[in-house]
Protein backbone atom coordinates (compact mmCIF):
# COMPACT_ATOMS: atom_id res chain seq x y z
CA UNK A 1 0.00 0.00 0.00
CA UNK A 2 1.25 3.43 -0.90
CA UNK A 3 1.00 6.25 1.62
CA UNK A 4 -0.67 9.49 0.62
CA UNK A 5 0.10 12.88 2.12
CA UNK A 6 -3.01 14.80 3.18
CA UNK A 7 -3.58 18.19 4.76
CA UNK A 8 -5.66 18.88 7.87
CA UNK A 9 -7.70 22.10 7.88
CA UNK A 10 -9.27 23.82 10.90
CA UNK A 11 -13.06 23.54 10.87
CA UNK A 12 -13.47 27.00 12.48
CA UNK A 13 -11.18 29.32 10.50
CA UNK A 14 -10.32 27.05 7.54
CA UNK A 15 -6.53 27.41 7.78
CA UNK A 16 -4.46 24.39 6.76
CA UNK A 17 -2.11 23.83 9.69
CA UNK A 18 -1.05 20.18 9.65
CA UNK A 19 -0.08 17.49 7.15
CA UNK A 20 -0.26 13.76 7.75
CA UNK A 21 0.57 10.66 5.74
CA UNK A 22 -2.20 8.07 5.59
CA UNK A 23 -2.74 4.74 3.83
CA UNK A 24 -4.74 4.85 0.60
CA UNK A 25 -6.70 1.75 1.55
CA UNK A 26 -10.43 1.12 1.88
CA UNK A 27 -11.22 4.40 3.65
CA UNK A 28 -14.65 5.90 3.07
CA UNK A 29 -14.76 8.83 5.50
CA UNK A 30 -12.33 11.69 6.00
CA UNK A 31 -9.94 11.88 8.93
CA UNK A 32 -11.05 14.11 11.83
CA UNK A 33 -8.62 14.97 14.65
CA UNK A 34 -8.82 17.51 17.46
CA UNK A 35 -5.65 19.65 17.27
CA UNK A 36 -4.40 23.09 18.35
CA UNK A 37 -4.95 25.91 15.85
CA UNK A 38 -2.43 28.73 16.22
CA UNK A 39 -4.77 31.21 14.50
CA UNK A 40 -7.82 30.46 16.70
CA UNK A 41 -5.53 29.91 19.74
CA UNK A 42 -7.55 26.91 20.94
CA UNK A 43 -8.08 23.20 20.27
CA UNK A 44 -10.48 22.70 17.37
CA UNK A 45 -11.56 19.90 15.08
CA UNK A 46 -9.30 19.53 12.03
CA UNK A 47 -10.60 17.67 8.97
CA UNK A 48 -8.75 16.06 6.09
CA UNK A 49 -8.75 18.05 2.85
CA UNK A 50 -7.93 16.89 -0.64
PDB file of N, CA and C in Angstrom:
ATOM      1  N   UNK A   1       0.833  -1.190   0.000  1.00  0.00           N
ATOM      2  CA  UNK A   1       0.000   0.000   0.000  1.00  0.00           C
ATOM      3  C   UNK A   1       0.876   1.252   0.000  1.00  0.00           C
ATOM      4  N   UNK A   2       0.535   2.162  -0.841  1.00  0.00           N
ATOM      5  CA  UNK A   2       1.248   3.432  -0.895  1.00  0.00           C
ATOM      6  C   UNK A   2       0.645   4.402   0.111  1.00  0.00           C
ATOM      7  N   UNK A   3       1.485   5.237   0.679  1.00  0.00           N
ATOM      8  CA  UNK A   3       0.998   6.246   1.616  1.00  0.00           C
ATOM      9  C   UNK A   3       0.764   7.546   0.870  1.00  0.00           C
ATOM     10  N   UNK A   4      -0.296   8.239   1.263  1.00  0.00           N
ATOM     11  CA  UNK A   4      -0.673   9.486   0.616  1.00  0.00           C
ATOM     12  C   UNK A   4      -0.564  10.607   1.636  1.00  0.00           C
ATOM     13  N   UNK A   5      -0.042  11.740   1.226  1.00  0.00           N
ATOM     14  CA  UNK A   5       0.097  12.879   2.121  1.00  0.00           C
ATOM     15  C   UNK A   5      -1.150  13.751   2.019  1.00  0.00           C
ATOM     16  N   UNK A   6      -1.810  13.977   3.162  1.00  0.00           N
ATOM     17  CA  UNK A   6      -3.014  14.799   3.183  1.00  0.00           C
ATOM     18  C   UNK A   6      -2.811  15.987   4.110  1.00  0.00           C
ATOM     19  N   UNK A   7      -3.653  16.973   3.966  1.00  0.00           N
ATOM     20  CA  UNK A   7      -3.585  18.188   4.762  1.00  0.00           C
ATOM     21  C   UNK A   7      -4.785  18.259   5.676  1.00  0.00           C
ATOM     22  N   UNK A   8      -4.569  18.711   6.919  1.00  0.00           N
ATOM     23  CA  UNK A   8      -5.660  18.883   7.871  1.00  0.00           C
ATOM     24  C   UNK A   8      -5.982  20.365   7.987  1.00  0.00           C
ATOM     25  N   UNK A   9      -7.263  20.708   7.818  1.00  0.00           N
ATOM     26  CA  UNK A   9      -7.702  22.097   7.881  1.00  0.00           C
ATOM     27  C   UNK A   9      -8.589  22.300   9.100  1.00  0.00           C
ATOM     28  N   UNK A  10      -8.456  23.461   9.733  1.00  0.00           N
ATOM     29  CA  UNK A  10      -9.266  23.816  10.897  1.00  0.00           C
ATOM     30  C   UNK A  10     -10.713  23.990  10.460  1.00  0.00           C
ATOM     31  N   UNK A  11     -11.653  23.433  11.236  1.00  0.00           N
ATOM     32  CA  UNK A  11     -13.064  23.536  10.874  1.00  0.00           C
ATOM     33  C   UNK A  11     -13.653  24.892  11.238  1.00  0.00           C
ATOM     34  N   UNK A  12     -12.961  25.690  12.079  1.00  0.00           N
ATOM     35  CA  UNK A  12     -13.472  26.996  12.484  1.00  0.00           C
ATOM     36  C   UNK A  12     -13.017  28.083  11.514  1.00  0.00           C
ATOM     37  N   UNK A  13     -11.692  28.235  11.336  1.00  0.00           N
ATOM     38  CA  UNK A  13     -11.180  29.320  10.497  1.00  0.00           C
ATOM     39  C   UNK A  13     -10.785  28.867   9.096  1.00  0.00           C
ATOM     40  N   UNK A  14     -10.628  27.557   8.866  1.00  0.00           N
ATOM     41  CA  UNK A  14     -10.317  27.047   7.537  1.00  0.00           C
ATOM     42  C   UNK A  14      -8.847  27.020   7.180  1.00  0.00           C
ATOM     43  N   UNK A  15      -7.955  27.408   8.102  1.00  0.00           N
ATOM     44  CA  UNK A  15      -6.527  27.413   7.783  1.00  0.00           C
ATOM     45  C   UNK A  15      -5.986  25.988   7.795  1.00  0.00           C
ATOM     46  N   UNK A  16      -5.056  25.722   6.886  1.00  0.00           N
ATOM     47  CA  UNK A  16      -4.464  24.388   6.756  1.00  0.00           C
ATOM     48  C   UNK A  16      -3.170  24.356   7.548  1.00  0.00           C
ATOM     49  N   UNK A  17      -3.220  23.776   8.747  1.00  0.00           N
ATOM     50  CA  UNK A  17      -2.111  23.834   9.686  1.00  0.00           C
ATOM     51  C   UNK A  17      -1.228  22.593   9.692  1.00  0.00           C
ATOM     52  N   UNK A  18      -1.787  21.427   9.464  1.00  0.00           N
ATOM     53  CA  UNK A  18      -1.053  20.182   9.651  1.00  0.00           C
ATOM     54  C   UNK A  18      -1.097  19.339   8.384  1.00  0.00           C
ATOM     55  N   UNK A  19      -0.074  18.490   8.219  1.00  0.00           N
ATOM     56  CA  UNK A  19      -0.082  17.492   7.155  1.00  0.00           C
ATOM     57  C   UNK A  19       0.198  16.137   7.790  1.00  0.00           C
ATOM     58  N   UNK A  20      -0.364  15.091   7.189  1.00  0.00           N
ATOM     59  CA  UNK A  20      -0.258  13.755   7.753  1.00  0.00           C
ATOM     60  C   UNK A  20      -0.225  12.761   6.602  1.00  0.00           C
ATOM     61  N   UNK A  21       0.546  11.704   6.754  1.00  0.00           N
ATOM     62  CA  UNK A  21       0.571  10.658   5.740  1.00  0.00           C
ATOM     63  C   UNK A  21      -0.339   9.522   6.189  1.00  0.00           C
ATOM     64  N   UNK A  22      -1.222   9.105   5.283  1.00  0.00           N
ATOM     65  CA  UNK A  22      -2.204   8.065   5.588  1.00  0.00           C
ATOM     66  C   UNK A  22      -2.170   7.012   4.491  1.00  0.00           C
ATOM     67  N   UNK A  23      -2.650   5.806   4.813  1.00  0.00           N
ATOM     68  CA  UNK A  23      -2.744   4.736   3.827  1.00  0.00           C
ATOM     69  C   UNK A  23      -3.897   5.010   2.875  1.00  0.00           C
ATOM     70  N   UNK A  24      -3.717   4.643   1.614  1.00  0.00           N
ATOM     71  CA  UNK A  24      -4.736   4.853   0.599  1.00  0.00           C
ATOM     72  C   UNK A  24      -5.650   3.651   0.488  1.00  0.00           C
ATOM     73  N   UNK A  25      -5.944   2.991   1.566  1.00  0.00           N
ATOM     74  CA  UNK A  25      -6.703   1.748   1.553  1.00  0.00           C
ATOM     75  C   UNK A  25      -8.183   1.925   1.326  1.00  0.00           C
ATOM     76  N   UNK A  26      -8.979   1.168   2.044  1.00  0.00           N
ATOM     77  CA  UNK A  26     -10.430   1.125   1.881  1.00  0.00           C
ATOM     78  C   UNK A  26     -11.133   2.155   2.751  1.00  0.00           C
ATOM     79  N   UNK A  27     -10.614   3.376   2.808  1.00  0.00           N
ATOM     80  CA  UNK A  27     -11.220   4.405   3.653  1.00  0.00           C
ATOM     81  C   UNK A  27     -12.392   5.047   2.933  1.00  0.00           C
ATOM     82  N   UNK A  28     -13.480   5.273   3.675  1.00  0.00           N
ATOM     83  CA  UNK A  28     -14.651   5.903   3.075  1.00  0.00           C
ATOM     84  C   UNK A  28     -14.891   7.296   3.645  1.00  0.00           C
ATOM     85  N   UNK A  29     -14.542   7.520   4.899  1.00  0.00           N
ATOM     86  CA  UNK A  29     -14.761   8.834   5.501  1.00  0.00           C
ATOM     87  C   UNK A  29     -13.431   9.564   5.665  1.00  0.00           C
ATOM     88  N   UNK A  30     -13.526  10.873   5.837  1.00  0.00           N
ATOM     89  CA  UNK A  30     -12.326  11.687   5.998  1.00  0.00           C
ATOM     90  C   UNK A  30     -11.850  11.654   7.445  1.00  0.00           C
ATOM     91  N   UNK A  31     -10.561  11.872   7.616  1.00  0.00           N
ATOM     92  CA  UNK A  31      -9.943  11.877   8.932  1.00  0.00           C
ATOM     93  C   UNK A  31     -10.331  13.137   9.698  1.00  0.00           C
ATOM     94  N   UNK A  32     -10.716  12.976  10.970  1.00  0.00           N
ATOM     95  CA  UNK A  32     -11.054  14.110  11.826  1.00  0.00           C
ATOM     96  C   UNK A  32     -10.280  13.975  13.130  1.00  0.00           C
ATOM     97  N   UNK A  33      -9.470  14.994  13.464  1.00  0.00           N
ATOM     98  CA  UNK A  33      -8.620  14.972  14.646  1.00  0.00           C
ATOM     99  C   UNK A  33      -8.755  16.312  15.358  1.00  0.00           C
ATOM    100  N   UNK A  34      -8.776  16.273  16.695  1.00  0.00           N
ATOM    101  CA  UNK A  34      -8.816  17.507  17.459  1.00  0.00           C
ATOM    102  C   UNK A  34      -7.381  17.959  17.715  1.00  0.00           C
ATOM    103  N   UNK A  35      -7.003  19.133  17.161  1.00  0.00           N
ATOM    104  CA  UNK A  35      -5.645  19.653  17.271  1.00  0.00           C
ATOM    105  C   UNK A  35      -5.683  21.129  17.627  1.00  0.00           C
ATOM    106  N   UNK A  36      -4.503  21.671  17.988  1.00  0.00           N
ATOM    107  CA  UNK A  36      -4.400  23.087  18.346  1.00  0.00           C
ATOM    108  C   UNK A  36      -4.238  23.927  17.089  1.00  0.00           C
ATOM    109  N   UNK A  37      -5.053  24.965  16.959  1.00  0.00           N
ATOM    110  CA  UNK A  37      -4.952  25.913  15.848  1.00  0.00           C
ATOM    111  C   UNK A  37      -4.277  27.177  16.359  1.00  0.00           C
ATOM    112  N   UNK A  38      -3.161  27.558  15.740  1.00  0.00           N
ATOM    113  CA  UNK A  38      -2.428  28.727  16.218  1.00  0.00           C
ATOM    114  C   UNK A  38      -3.111  30.030  15.834  1.00  0.00           C
ATOM    115  N   UNK A  39      -4.046  30.001  14.889  1.00  0.00           N
ATOM    116  CA  UNK A  39      -4.770  31.209  14.502  1.00  0.00           C
ATOM    117  C   UNK A  39      -5.987  31.440  15.396  1.00  0.00           C
ATOM    118  N   UNK A  40      -6.676  30.352  15.776  1.00  0.00           N
ATOM    119  CA  UNK A  40      -7.819  30.457  16.700  1.00  0.00           C
ATOM    120  C   UNK A  40      -7.348  30.491  18.157  1.00  0.00           C
ATOM    121  N   UNK A  41      -6.132  30.007  18.404  1.00  0.00           N
ATOM    122  CA  UNK A  41      -5.529  29.910  19.736  1.00  0.00           C
ATOM    123  C   UNK A  41      -6.324  29.012  20.685  1.00  0.00           C
ATOM    124  N   UNK A  42      -6.856  27.897  20.130  1.00  0.00           N
ATOM    125  CA  UNK A  42      -7.550  26.907  20.943  1.00  0.00           C
ATOM    126  C   UNK A  42      -7.586  25.580  20.191  1.00  0.00           C
ATOM    127  N   UNK A  43      -7.968  24.515  20.890  1.00  0.00           N
ATOM    128  CA  UNK A  43      -8.085  23.199  20.272  1.00  0.00           C
ATOM    129  C   UNK A  43      -9.399  23.131  19.501  1.00  0.00           C
ATOM    130  N   UNK A  44      -9.306  22.813  18.218  1.00  0.00           N
ATOM    131  CA  UNK A  44     -10.483  22.702  17.366  1.00  0.00           C
ATOM    132  C   UNK A  44     -10.406  21.423  16.556  1.00  0.00           C
ATOM    133  N   UNK A  45     -11.502  21.076  15.931  1.00  0.00           N
ATOM    134  CA  UNK A  45     -11.559  19.898  15.085  1.00  0.00           C
ATOM    135  C   UNK A  45     -10.922  20.208  13.736  1.00  0.00           C
ATOM    136  N   UNK A  46      -9.974  19.386  13.325  1.00  0.00           N
ATOM    137  CA  UNK A  46      -9.303  19.533  12.034  1.00  0.00           C
ATOM    138  C   UNK A  46      -9.726  18.367  11.142  1.00  0.00           C
ATOM    139  N   UNK A  47     -10.142  18.683   9.906  1.00  0.00           N
ATOM    140  CA  UNK A  47     -10.599  17.667   8.974  1.00  0.00           C
ATOM    141  C   UNK A  47      -9.643  17.536   7.802  1.00  0.00           C
ATOM    142  N   UNK A  48      -9.599  16.334   7.238  1.00  0.00           N
ATOM    143  CA  UNK A  48      -8.746  16.058   6.090  1.00  0.00           C
ATOM    144  C   UNK A  48      -9.271  16.764   4.852  1.00  0.00           C
ATOM    145  N   UNK A  49      -8.379  17.418   4.106  1.00  0.00           N
ATOM    146  CA  UNK A  49      -8.748  18.048   2.845  1.00  0.00           C
ATOM    147  C   UNK A  49      -8.065  17.315   1.708  1.00  0.00           C
ATOM    148  N   UNK A  50      -8.522  17.556   0.522  1.00  0.00           N
ATOM    149  CA  UNK A  50      -7.931  16.889  -0.643  1.00  0.00           C
ATOM    150  C   UNK A  50      -6.793  17.688  -1.212  1.00  0.00           C
TER     151      UNK A  50
END
